[in-house]
Amino acid sequence: MTQLQSYTSRRRGRLFPDYIIPPEELAKRKSEREARGKRCRAVLERVRPHLIETHYNWFIIIEPNSGDYFLDPDEQVAMQKARQKYPKGWMVIFRLNKTGTCGKI
């Protein structure tokens, strides 16, 4: 005679239920990200008129604290250039065109 085994299904949920980011920390991260974006956008607006004529549609990677930027037509090469100088820095990527966006939305 065969016995039926009962299988209990595992509960689905968060992968790490003990690790929950508090809302205050999420708000802080969002404000820091927005401030970093504003600093980089200001650098982009400053250098875009000079660079758009000769480097149209190239990628520009901006380091917000120093204002340094790195140009290349290939995104990966531009990122490598930026990572050589700032290995752990936060960077923002734009495209040298009228809108500054990288790709289609």
PDB file of N, CA and C in Angstrom:
ATOM      1  N   MET A   1       0.825  -1.168   0.000  1.00  0.00           N
ATOM      2  CA  MET A   1       0.000   0.000   0.000  1.00  0.00           C
ATOM      3  C   MET A   1       0.878   1.243   0.000  1.00  0.00           C
ATOM      4  N   THR A   2       0.550   2.157  -0.808  1.00  0.00           N
ATOM      5  CA  THR A   2       1.322   3.387  -0.902  1.00  0.00           C
ATOM      6  C   THR A   2       0.738   4.458  -0.002  1.00  0.00           C
ATOM      7  N   GLN A   3       1.631   5.193   0.586  1.00  0.00           N
ATOM      8  CA  GLN A   3       1.198   6.293   1.436  1.00  0.00           C
ATOM      9  C   GLN A   3       1.329   7.592   0.659  1.00  0.00           C
ATOM     10  N   LEU A   4       0.393   8.416   0.853  1.00  0.00           N
ATOM     11  CA  LEU A   4       0.442   9.735   0.230  1.00  0.00           C
ATOM     12  C   LEU A   4       1.241  10.672   1.119  1.00  0.00           C
ATOM     13  N   GLN A   5       2.142  11.365   0.513  1.00  0.00           N
ATOM     14  CA  GLN A   5       2.921  12.332   1.278  1.00  0.00           C
ATOM     15  C   GLN A   5       2.319  13.709   1.068  1.00  0.00           C
ATOM     16  N   SER A   6       2.224  14.420   2.107  1.00  0.00           N
ATOM     17  CA  SER A   6       1.711  15.779   1.976  1.00  0.00           C
ATOM     18  C   SER A   6       2.893  16.744   1.889  1.00  0.00           C
ATOM     19  N   TYR A   7       2.864  17.544   0.873  1.00  0.00           N
ATOM     20  CA  TYR A   7       3.908  18.538   0.677  1.00  0.00           C
ATOM     21  C   TYR A   7       3.364  19.900   1.087  1.00  0.00           C
ATOM     22  N   THR A   8       4.094  20.565   1.904  1.00  0.00           N
ATOM     23  CA  THR A   8       3.692  21.922   2.257  1.00  0.00           C
ATOM     24  C   THR A   8       4.401  22.880   1.322  1.00  0.00           C
ATOM     25  N   SER A   9       3.654  23.779   0.796  1.00  0.00           N
ATOM     26  CA  SER A   9       4.259  24.749  -0.119  1.00  0.00           C
ATOM     27  C   SER A   9       4.988  25.814   0.695  1.00  0.00           C
ATOM     28  N   ARG A  10       6.080  26.268   0.134  1.00  0.00           N
ATOM     29  CA  ARG A  10       6.859  27.296   0.818  1.00  0.00           C
ATOM     30  C   ARG A  10       6.181  28.637   0.637  1.00  0.00           C
ATOM     31  N   ARG A  11       6.270  29.431   1.677  1.00  0.00           N
ATOM     32  CA  ARG A  11       5.684  30.760   1.605  1.00  0.00           C
ATOM     33  C   ARG A  11       6.528  31.642   0.701  1.00  0.00           C
ATOM     34  N   ARG A  12       5.873  32.348  -0.143  1.00  0.00           N
ATOM     35  CA  ARG A  12       6.582  33.280  -1.010  1.00  0.00           C
ATOM     36  C   ARG A  12       6.600  34.646  -0.353  1.00  0.00           C
ATOM     37  N   GLY A  13       7.675  35.350  -0.538  1.00  0.00           N
ATOM     38  CA  GLY A  13       7.783  36.677   0.049  1.00  0.00           C
ATOM     39  C   GLY A  13       9.138  37.270  -0.253  1.00  0.00           C
ATOM     40  N   ARG A  14       9.582  38.147   0.581  1.00  0.00           N
ATOM     41  CA  ARG A  14      10.873  38.808   0.385  1.00  0.00           C
ATOM     42  C   ARG A  14      12.000  37.816   0.542  1.00  0.00           C
ATOM     43  N   LEU A  15      13.057  38.036  -0.208  1.00  0.00           N
ATOM     44  CA  LEU A  15      14.229  37.178  -0.088  1.00  0.00           C
ATOM     45  C   LEU A  15      14.913  37.349   1.257  1.00  0.00           C
ATOM     46  N   PHE A  16      15.010  38.585   1.688  1.00  0.00           N
ATOM     47  CA  PHE A  16      15.651  38.887   2.961  1.00  0.00           C
ATOM     48  C   PHE A  16      14.673  39.686   3.821  1.00  0.00           C
ATOM     49  N   PRO A  17      13.748  39.016   4.501  1.00  0.00           N
ATOM     50  CA  PRO A  17      12.730  39.773   5.248  1.00  0.00           C
ATOM     51  C   PRO A  17      13.290  40.564   6.420  1.00  0.00           C
ATOM     52  N   ASP A  18      14.468  40.205   6.905  1.00  0.00           N
ATOM     53  CA  ASP A  18      15.048  40.947   8.026  1.00  0.00           C
ATOM     54  C   ASP A  18      15.694  42.252   7.583  1.00  0.00           C
ATOM     55  N   TYR A  19      15.979  42.372   6.292  1.00  0.00           N
ATOM     56  CA  TYR A  19      16.656  43.556   5.787  1.00  0.00           C
ATOM     57  C   TYR A  19      15.632  44.455   5.098  1.00  0.00           C
ATOM     58  N   ILE A  20      15.131  45.414   5.813  1.00  0.00           N
ATOM     59  CA  ILE A  20      14.170  46.370   5.273  1.00  0.00           C
ATOM     60  C   ILE A  20      14.757  47.758   5.469  1.00  0.00           C
ATOM     61  N   ILE A  21      14.812  48.516   4.401  1.00  0.00           N
ATOM     62  CA  ILE A  21      15.363  49.867   4.464  1.00  0.00           C
ATOM     63  C   ILE A  21      14.280  50.805   4.988  1.00  0.00           C
ATOM     64  N   PRO A  22      14.582  51.554   6.032  1.00  0.00           N
ATOM     65  CA  PRO A  22      13.585  52.473   6.584  1.00  0.00           C
ATOM     66  C   PRO A  22      13.241  53.586   5.587  1.00  0.00           C
ATOM     67  N   PRO A  23      12.028  54.111   5.648  1.00  0.00           N
ATOM     68  CA  PRO A  23      11.612  55.168   4.719  1.00  0.00           C
ATOM     69  C   PRO A  23      12.480  56.416   4.795  1.00  0.00           C
ATOM     70  N   GLU A  24      13.024  56.725   5.979  1.00  0.00           N
ATOM     71  CA  GLU A  24      13.885  57.905   6.109  1.00  0.00           C
ATOM     72  C   GLU A  24      15.160  57.727   5.278  1.00  0.00           C
ATOM     73  N   GLU A  25      15.701  56.512   5.302  1.00  0.00           N
ATOM     74  CA  GLU A  25      16.911  56.230   4.525  1.00  0.00           C
ATOM     75  C   GLU A  25      16.616  56.290   3.030  1.00  0.00           C
ATOM     76  N   LEU A  26      15.473  55.785   2.620  1.00  0.00           N
ATOM     77  CA  LEU A  26      15.092  55.856   1.210  1.00  0.00           C
ATOM     78  C   LEU A  26      14.929  57.311   0.761  1.00  0.00           C
ATOM     79  N   ALA A  27      14.326  58.146   1.602  1.00  0.00           N
ATOM     80  CA  ALA A  27      14.153  59.567   1.273  1.00  0.00           C
ATOM     81  C   ALA A  27      15.504  60.263   1.187  1.00  0.00           C
ATOM     82  N   LYS A  28      16.418  59.917   2.081  1.00  0.00           N
ATOM     83  CA  LYS A  28      17.757  60.509   2.064  1.00  0.00           C
ATOM     84  C   LYS A  28      18.493  60.133   0.782  1.00  0.00           C
ATOM     85  N   ARG A  29      18.415  58.860   0.397  1.00  0.00           N
ATOM     86  CA  ARG A  29      19.075  58.410  -0.828  1.00  0.00           C
ATOM     87  C   ARG A  29      18.500  59.102  -2.054  1.00  0.00           C
ATOM     88  N   LYS A  30      17.185  59.271  -2.070  1.00  0.00           N
ATOM     89  CA  LYS A  30      16.542  59.937  -3.206  1.00  0.00           C
ATOM     90  C   LYS A  30      16.984  61.392  -3.318  1.00  0.00           C
ATOM     91  N   SER A  31      17.056  62.094  -2.189  1.00  0.00           N
ATOM     92  CA  SER A  31      17.474  63.504  -2.226  1.00  0.00           C
ATOM     93  C   SER A  31      18.939  63.626  -2.656  1.00  0.00           C
ATOM     94  N   GLU A  32      19.793  62.709  -2.204  1.00  0.00           N
ATOM     95  CA  GLU A  32      21.195  62.726  -2.631  1.00  0.00           C
ATOM     96  C   GLU A  32      21.311  62.464  -4.126  1.00  0.00           C
ATOM     97  N   ARG A  33      20.521  61.525  -4.634  1.00  0.00           N
ATOM     98  CA  ARG A  33      20.543  61.214  -6.061  1.00  0.00           C
ATOM     99  C   ARG A  33      20.077  62.403  -6.897  1.00  0.00           C
ATOM    100  N   GLU A  34      19.032  63.092  -6.432  1.00  0.00           N
ATOM    101  CA  GLU A  34      18.536  64.261  -7.152  1.00  0.00           C
ATOM    102  C   GLU A  34      19.550  65.397  -7.133  1.00  0.00           C
ATOM    103  N   ALA A  35      20.222  65.604  -5.988  1.00  0.00           N
ATOM    104  CA  ALA A  35      21.234  66.660  -5.898  1.00  0.00           C
ATOM    105  C   ALA A  35      22.410  66.352  -6.818  1.00  0.00           C
ATOM    106  N   ARG A  36      22.813  65.090  -6.866  1.00  0.00           N
ATOM    107  CA  ARG A  36      23.910  64.680  -7.754  1.00  0.00           C
ATOM    108  C   ARG A  36      23.512  64.914  -9.211  1.00  0.00           C
ATOM    109  N   GLY A  37      22.274  64.590  -9.550  1.00  0.00           N
ATOM    110  CA  GLY A  37      21.786  64.811 -10.906  1.00  0.00           C
ATOM    111  C   GLY A  37      21.758  66.279 -11.291  1.00  0.00           C
ATOM    112  N   LYS A  38      21.373  67.143 -10.342  1.00  0.00           N
ATOM    113  CA  LYS A  38      21.339  68.587 -10.621  1.00  0.00           C
ATOM    114  C   LYS A  38      22.741  69.141 -10.857  1.00  0.00           C
ATOM    115  N   ARG A  39      23.713  68.684 -10.046  1.00  0.00           N
ATOM    116  CA  ARG A  39      25.090  69.154 -10.240  1.00  0.00           C
ATOM    117  C   ARG A  39      25.620  68.722 -11.599  1.00  0.00           C
ATOM    118  N   CYS A  40      25.333  67.487 -11.984  1.00  0.00           N
ATOM    119  CA  CYS A  40      25.809  66.988 -13.279  1.00  0.00           C
ATOM    120  C   CYS A  40      25.092  67.673 -14.434  1.00  0.00           C
ATOM    121  N   ARG A  41      23.808  67.934 -14.277  1.00  0.00           N
ATOM    122  CA  ARG A  41      23.049  68.623 -15.328  1.00  0.00           C
ATOM    123  C   ARG A  41      23.599  70.028 -15.534  1.00  0.00           C
ATOM    124  N   ALA A  42      24.024  70.689 -14.454  1.00  0.00           N
ATOM    125  CA  ALA A  42      24.608  72.034 -14.583  1.00  0.00           C
ATOM    126  C   ALA A  42      25.917  71.979 -15.369  1.00  0.00           C
ATOM    127  N   VAL A  43      26.742  70.971 -15.110  1.00  0.00           N
ATOM    128  CA  VAL A  43      27.992  70.815 -15.867  1.00  0.00           C
ATOM    129  C   VAL A  43      27.677  70.542 -17.331  1.00  0.00           C
ATOM    130  N   LEU A  44      26.683  69.692 -17.588  1.00  0.00           N
ATOM    131  CA  LEU A  44      26.300  69.383 -18.967  1.00  0.00           C
ATOM    132  C   LEU A  44      25.838  70.626 -19.706  1.00  0.00           C
ATOM    133  N   GLU A  45      24.997  71.420 -19.071  1.00  0.00           N
ATOM    134  CA  GLU A  45      24.502  72.645 -19.718  1.00  0.00           C
ATOM    135  C   GLU A  45      25.632  73.631 -19.982  1.00  0.00           C
ATOM    136  N   ARG A  46      26.658  73.615 -19.147  1.00  0.00           N
ATOM    137  CA  ARG A  46      27.787  74.528 -19.334  1.00  0.00           C
ATOM    138  C   ARG A  46      28.660  74.122 -20.518  1.00  0.00           C
ATOM    139  N   VAL A  47      28.914  72.814 -20.686  1.00  0.00           N
ATOM    140  CA  VAL A  47      29.856  72.367 -21.718  1.00  0.00           C
ATOM    141  C   VAL A  47      29.181  71.920 -23.010  1.00  0.00           C
ATOM    142  N   ARG A  48      27.869  71.697 -23.001  1.00  0.00           N
ATOM    143  CA  ARG A  48      27.184  71.197 -24.187  1.00  0.00           C
ATOM    144  C   ARG A  48      27.333  72.096 -25.418  1.00  0.00           C
ATOM    145  N   PRO A  49      27.157  73.416 -25.308  1.00  0.00           N
ATOM    146  CA  PRO A  49      27.257  74.240 -26.522  1.00  0.00           C
ATOM    147  C   PRO A  49      28.620  74.140 -27.214  1.00  0.00           C
ATOM    148  N   HIS A  50      29.681  73.937 -26.449  1.00  0.00           N
ATOM    149  CA  HIS A  50      31.016  73.867 -27.035  1.00  0.00           C
ATOM    150  C   HIS A  50      31.291  72.499 -27.659  1.00  0.00           C
ATOM    151  N   LEU A  51      30.749  71.452 -27.064  1.00  0.00           N
ATOM    152  CA  LEU A  51      31.078  70.093 -27.487  1.00  0.00           C
ATOM    153  C   LEU A  51      30.106  69.486 -28.490  1.00  0.00           C
ATOM    154  N   ILE A  52      28.893  70.009 -28.566  1.00  0.00           N
ATOM    155  CA  ILE A  52      27.875  69.373 -29.397  1.00  0.00           C
ATOM    156  C   ILE A  52      28.208  69.473 -30.887  1.00  0.00           C
ATOM    157  N   GLU A  53      28.937  70.497 -31.276  1.00  0.00           N
ATOM    158  CA  GLU A  53      29.278  70.671 -32.691  1.00  0.00           C
ATOM    159  C   GLU A  53      30.264  69.617 -33.175  1.00  0.00           C
ATOM    160  N   THR A  54      31.239  69.289 -32.343  1.00  0.00           N
ATOM    161  CA  THR A  54      32.279  68.348 -32.769  1.00  0.00           C
ATOM    162  C   THR A  54      32.062  66.923 -32.269  1.00  0.00           C
ATOM    163  N   HIS A  55      31.252  66.733 -31.228  1.00  0.00           N
ATOM    164  CA  HIS A  55      31.059  65.411 -30.645  1.00  0.00           C
ATOM    165  C   HIS A  55      29.571  65.068 -30.531  1.00  0.00           C
ATOM    166  N   TYR A  56      28.803  65.332 -31.562  1.00  0.00           N
ATOM    167  CA  TYR A  56      27.362  65.102 -31.501  1.00  0.00           C
ATOM    168  C   TYR A  56      27.053  63.619 -31.289  1.00  0.00           C
ATOM    169  N   ASN A  57      26.158  63.343 -30.347  1.00  0.00           N
ATOM    170  CA  ASN A  57      25.694  62.002 -29.981  1.00  0.00           C
ATOM    171  C   ASN A  57      26.755  61.138 -29.306  1.00  0.00           C
ATOM    172  N   TRP A  58      27.819  61.722 -28.828  1.00  0.00           N
ATOM    173  CA  TRP A  58      28.808  60.987 -28.033  1.00  0.00           C
ATOM    174  C   TRP A  58      28.288  60.891 -26.608  1.00  0.00           C
ATOM    175  N   PHE A  59      28.835  59.956 -25.866  1.00  0.00           N
ATOM    176  CA  PHE A  59      28.499  59.826 -24.454  1.00  0.00           C
ATOM    177  C   PHE A  59      29.399  60.734 -23.629  1.00  0.00           C
ATOM    178  N   ILE A  60      28.820  61.361 -22.633  1.00  0.00           N
ATOM    179  CA  ILE A  60      29.588  62.180 -21.699  1.00  0.00           C
ATOM    180  C   ILE A  60      29.267  61.674 -20.289  1.00  0.00           C
ATOM    181  N   ILE A  61      30.299  61.325 -19.574  1.00  0.00           N
ATOM    182  CA  ILE A  61      30.150  60.845 -18.201  1.00  0.00           C
ATOM    183  C   ILE A  61      30.728  61.916 -17.289  1.00  0.00           C
ATOM    184  N   ILE A  62      29.905  62.364 -16.344  1.00  0.00           N
ATOM    185  CA  ILE A  62      30.278  63.490 -15.488  1.00  0.00           C
ATOM    186  C   ILE A  62      30.406  63.016 -14.054  1.00  0.00           C
ATOM    187  N   GLU A  63      31.497  63.415 -13.416  1.00  0.00           N
ATOM    188  CA  GLU A  63      31.693  63.178 -11.989  1.00  0.00           C
ATOM    189  C   GLU A  63      31.211  64.439 -11.279  1.00  0.00           C
ATOM    190  N   PRO A  64      30.166  64.353 -10.449  1.00  0.00           N
ATOM    191  CA  PRO A  64      29.518  65.563  -9.933  1.00  0.00           C
ATOM    192  C   PRO A  64      30.333  66.376  -8.942  1.00  0.00           C
ATOM    193  N   ASN A  65      31.198  65.764  -8.154  1.00  0.00           N
ATOM    194  CA  ASN A  65      31.924  66.513  -7.131  1.00  0.00           C
ATOM    195  C   ASN A  65      33.007  67.395  -7.727  1.00  0.00           C
ATOM    196  N   SER A  66      33.702  66.913  -8.742  1.00  0.00           N
ATOM    197  CA  SER A  66      34.793  67.687  -9.325  1.00  0.00           C
ATOM    198  C   SER A  66      34.373  68.422 -10.590  1.00  0.00           C
ATOM    199  N   GLY A  67      33.334  67.938 -11.259  1.00  0.00           N
ATOM    200  CA  GLY A  67      32.928  68.533 -12.524  1.00  0.00           C
ATOM    201  C   GLY A  67      33.704  67.989 -13.708  1.00  0.00           C
ATOM    202  N   ASP A  68      34.565  66.998 -13.498  1.00  0.00           N
ATOM    203  CA  ASP A  68      35.302  66.389 -14.609  1.00  0.00           C
ATOM    204  C   ASP A  68      34.339  65.593 -15.480  1.00  0.00           C
ATOM    205  N   TYR A  69      34.642  65.567 -16.777  1.00  0.00           N
ATOM    206  CA  TYR A  69      33.806  64.782 -17.680  1.00  0.00           C
ATOM    207  C   TYR A  69      34.687  64.011 -18.653  1.00  0.00           C
ATOM    208  N   PHE A  70      34.124  62.928 -19.167  1.00  0.00           N
ATOM    209  CA  PHE A  70      34.836  62.019 -20.051  1.00  0.00           C
ATOM    210  C   PHE A  70      33.965  61.770 -21.277  1.00  0.00           C
ATOM    211  N   LEU A  71      34.568  61.858 -22.463  1.00  0.00           N
ATOM    212  CA  LEU A  71      33.837  61.743 -23.721  1.00  0.00           C
ATOM    213  C   LEU A  71      34.306  60.542 -24.514  1.00  0.00           C
ATOM    214  N   ASP A  72      33.368  59.880 -25.187  1.00  0.00           N
ATOM    215  CA  ASP A  72      33.698  58.831 -26.129  1.00  0.00           C
ATOM    216  C   ASP A  72      32.431  58.449 -26.880  1.00  0.00           C
ATOM    217  N   PRO A  73      32.541  58.016 -28.132  1.00  0.00           N
ATOM    218  CA  PRO A  73      31.343  57.580 -28.847  1.00  0.00           C
ATOM    219  C   PRO A  73      30.798  56.251 -28.317  1.00  0.00           C
ATOM    220  N   ASP A  74      31.650  55.474 -27.644  1.00  0.00           N
ATOM    221  CA  ASP A  74      31.229  54.196 -27.063  1.00  0.00           C
ATOM    222  C   ASP A  74      31.048  54.365 -25.556  1.00  0.00           C
ATOM    223  N   GLU A  75      29.900  53.967 -25.057  1.00  0.00           N
ATOM    224  CA  GLU A  75      29.584  54.152 -23.636  1.00  0.00           C
ATOM    225  C   GLU A  75      30.544  53.383 -22.727  1.00  0.00           C
ATOM    226  N   GLN A  76      30.888  52.167 -23.106  1.00  0.00           N
ATOM    227  CA  GLN A  76      31.767  51.345 -22.274  1.00  0.00           C
ATOM    228  C   GLN A  76      33.174  51.938 -22.179  1.00  0.00           C
ATOM    229  N   VAL A  77      33.676  52.456 -23.281  1.00  0.00           N
ATOM    230  CA  VAL A  77      35.013  53.067 -23.274  1.00  0.00           C
ATOM    231  C   VAL A  77      35.007  54.330 -22.416  1.00  0.00           C
ATOM    232  N   ALA A  78      33.953  55.111 -22.532  1.00  0.00           N
ATOM    233  CA  ALA A  78      33.852  56.320 -21.705  1.00  0.00           C
ATOM    234  C   ALA A  78      33.798  55.963 -20.222  1.00  0.00           C
ATOM    235  N   MET A  79      33.078  54.898 -19.898  1.00  0.00           N
ATOM    236  CA  MET A  79      32.997  54.468 -18.494  1.00  0.00           C
ATOM    237  C   MET A  79      34.352  53.970 -18.003  1.00  0.00           C
ATOM    238  N   GLN A  80      35.098  53.281 -18.846  1.00  0.00           N
ATOM    239  CA  GLN A  80      36.438  52.833 -18.454  1.00  0.00           C
ATOM    240  C   GLN A  80      37.349  54.019 -18.172  1.00  0.00           C
ATOM    241  N   LYS A  81      37.264  55.051 -18.997  1.00  0.00           N
ATOM    242  CA  LYS A  81      38.074  56.251 -18.766  1.00  0.00           C
ATOM    243  C   LYS A  81      37.723  56.885 -17.417  1.00  0.00           C
ATOM    244  N   ALA A  82      36.425  56.964 -17.149  1.00  0.00           N
ATOM    245  CA  ALA A  82      35.983  57.584 -15.895  1.00  0.00           C
ATOM    246  C   ALA A  82      36.401  56.744 -14.687  1.00  0.00           C
ATOM    247  N   ARG A  83      36.291  55.428 -14.801  1.00  0.00           N
ATOM    248  CA  ARG A  83      36.649  54.542 -13.687  1.00  0.00           C
ATOM    249  C   ARG A  83      38.149  54.505 -13.420  1.00  0.00           C
ATOM    250  N   GLN A  84      38.969  54.813 -14.424  1.00  0.00           N
ATOM    251  CA  GLN A  84      40.406  54.881 -14.176  1.00  0.00           C
ATOM    252  C   GLN A  84      40.741  56.016 -13.224  1.00  0.00           C
ATOM    253  N   LYS A  85      40.062  57.138 -13.391  1.00  0.00           N
ATOM    254  CA  LYS A  85      40.361  58.289 -12.546  1.00  0.00           C
ATOM    255  C   LYS A  85      39.561  58.264 -11.236  1.00  0.00           C
ATOM    256  N   TYR A  86      38.304  57.824 -11.299  1.00  0.00           N
ATOM    257  CA  TYR A  86      37.432  57.777 -10.119  1.00  0.00           C
ATOM    258  C   TYR A  86      36.882  56.360  -9.968  1.00  0.00           C
ATOM    259  N   PRO A  87      37.663  55.443  -9.382  1.00  0.00           N
ATOM    260  CA  PRO A  87      37.213  54.044  -9.315  1.00  0.00           C
ATOM    261  C   PRO A  87      35.970  53.807  -8.450  1.00  0.00           C
ATOM    262  N   LYS A  88      35.748  54.635  -7.444  1.00  0.00           N
ATOM    263  CA  LYS A  88      34.590  54.408  -6.570  1.00  0.00           C
ATOM    264  C   LYS A  88      33.618  55.575  -6.576  1.00  0.00           C
ATOM    265  N   GLY A  89      33.750  56.472  -7.526  1.00  0.00           N
ATOM    266  CA  GLY A  89      32.895  57.654  -7.549  1.00  0.00           C
ATOM    267  C   GLY A  89      31.553  57.398  -8.204  1.00  0.00           C
ATOM    268  N   TRP A  90      30.569  58.231  -7.860  1.00  0.00           N
ATOM    269  CA  TRP A  90      29.267  58.197  -8.506  1.00  0.00           C
ATOM    270  C   TRP A  90      29.348  59.021  -9.767  1.00  0.00           C
ATOM    271  N   MET A  91      28.886  58.485 -10.875  1.00  0.00           N
ATOM    272  CA  MET A  91      28.928  59.182 -12.154  1.00  0.00           C
ATOM    273  C   MET A  91      27.523  59.235 -12.749  1.00  0.00           C
ATOM    274  N   VAL A  92      27.339  60.183 -13.637  1.00  0.00           N
ATOM    275  CA  VAL A  92      26.072  60.311 -14.355  1.00  0.00           C
ATOM    276  C   VAL A  92      26.396  60.328 -15.844  1.00  0.00           C
ATOM    277  N   ILE A  93      25.630  59.567 -16.612  1.00  0.00           N
ATOM    278  CA  ILE A  93      25.864  59.442 -18.052  1.00  0.00           C
ATOM    279  C   ILE A  93      24.811  60.247 -18.800  1.00  0.00           C
ATOM    280  N   PHE A  94      25.282  61.048 -19.758  1.00  0.00           N
ATOM    281  CA  PHE A  94      24.409  61.788 -20.655  1.00  0.00           C
ATOM    282  C   PHE A  94      24.867  61.522 -22.078  1.00  0.00           C
ATOM    283  N   ARG A  95      24.089  62.024 -23.019  1.00  0.00           N
ATOM    284  CA  ARG A  95      24.458  61.967 -24.418  1.00  0.00           C
ATOM    285  C   ARG A  95      24.518  63.397 -24.925  1.00  0.00           C
ATOM    286  N   LEU A  96      25.513  63.718 -25.729  1.00  0.00           N
ATOM    287  CA  LEU A  96      25.649  65.077 -26.260  1.00  0.00           C
ATOM    288  C   LEU A  96      24.699  65.262 -27.439  1.00  0.00           C
ATOM    289  N   ASN A  97      23.451  65.537 -27.117  1.00  0.00           N
ATOM    290  CA  ASN A  97      22.453  65.873 -28.118  1.00  0.00           C
ATOM    291  C   ASN A  97      21.548  66.949 -27.524  1.00  0.00           C
ATOM    292  N   LYS A  98      20.434  67.228 -28.160  1.00  0.00           N
ATOM    293  CA  LYS A  98      19.594  68.321 -27.684  1.00  0.00           C
ATOM    294  C   LYS A  98      18.969  68.046 -26.327  1.00  0.00           C
ATOM    295  N   THR A  99      18.654  66.787 -26.038  1.00  0.00           N
ATOM    296  CA  THR A  99      17.979  66.465 -24.785  1.00  0.00           C
ATOM    297  C   THR A  99      18.913  65.924 -23.713  1.00  0.00           C
ATOM    298  N   GLY A 100      20.007  65.299 -24.100  1.00  0.00           N
ATOM    299  CA  GLY A 100      20.932  64.725 -23.143  1.00  0.00           C
ATOM    300  C   GLY A 100      20.582  63.303 -22.753  1.00  0.00           C
ATOM    301  N   THR A 101      19.540  62.736 -23.353  1.00  0.00           N
ATOM    302  CA  THR A 101      19.114  61.381 -22.985  1.00  0.00           C
ATOM    303  C   THR A 101      19.917  60.336 -23.747  1.00  0.00           C
ATOM    304  N   CYS A 102      20.034  59.167 -23.133  1.00  0.00           N
ATOM    305  CA  CYS A 102      20.740  58.029 -23.716  1.00  0.00           C
ATOM    306  C   CYS A 102      19.712  56.981 -24.117  1.00  0.00           C
ATOM    307  N   GLY A 103      19.254  56.990 -25.335  1.00  0.00           N
ATOM    308  CA  GLY A 103      18.305  55.972 -25.782  1.00  0.00           C
ATOM    309  C   GLY A 103      16.887  56.485 -25.816  1.00  0.00           C
ATOM    310  N   LYS A 104      15.977  55.564 -26.084  1.00  0.00           N
ATOM    311  CA  LYS A 104      14.561  55.917 -26.216  1.00  0.00           C
ATOM    312  C   LYS A 104      13.824  55.629 -24.932  1.00  0.00           C
ATOM    313  N   ILE A 105      12.833  56.442 -24.650  1.00  0.00           N
ATOM    314  CA  ILE A 105      12.003  56.242 -23.466  1.00  0.00           C
ATOM    315  C   ILE A 105      10.636  55.768 -23.911  1.00  0.00           C
TER     316      ILE A 105
END
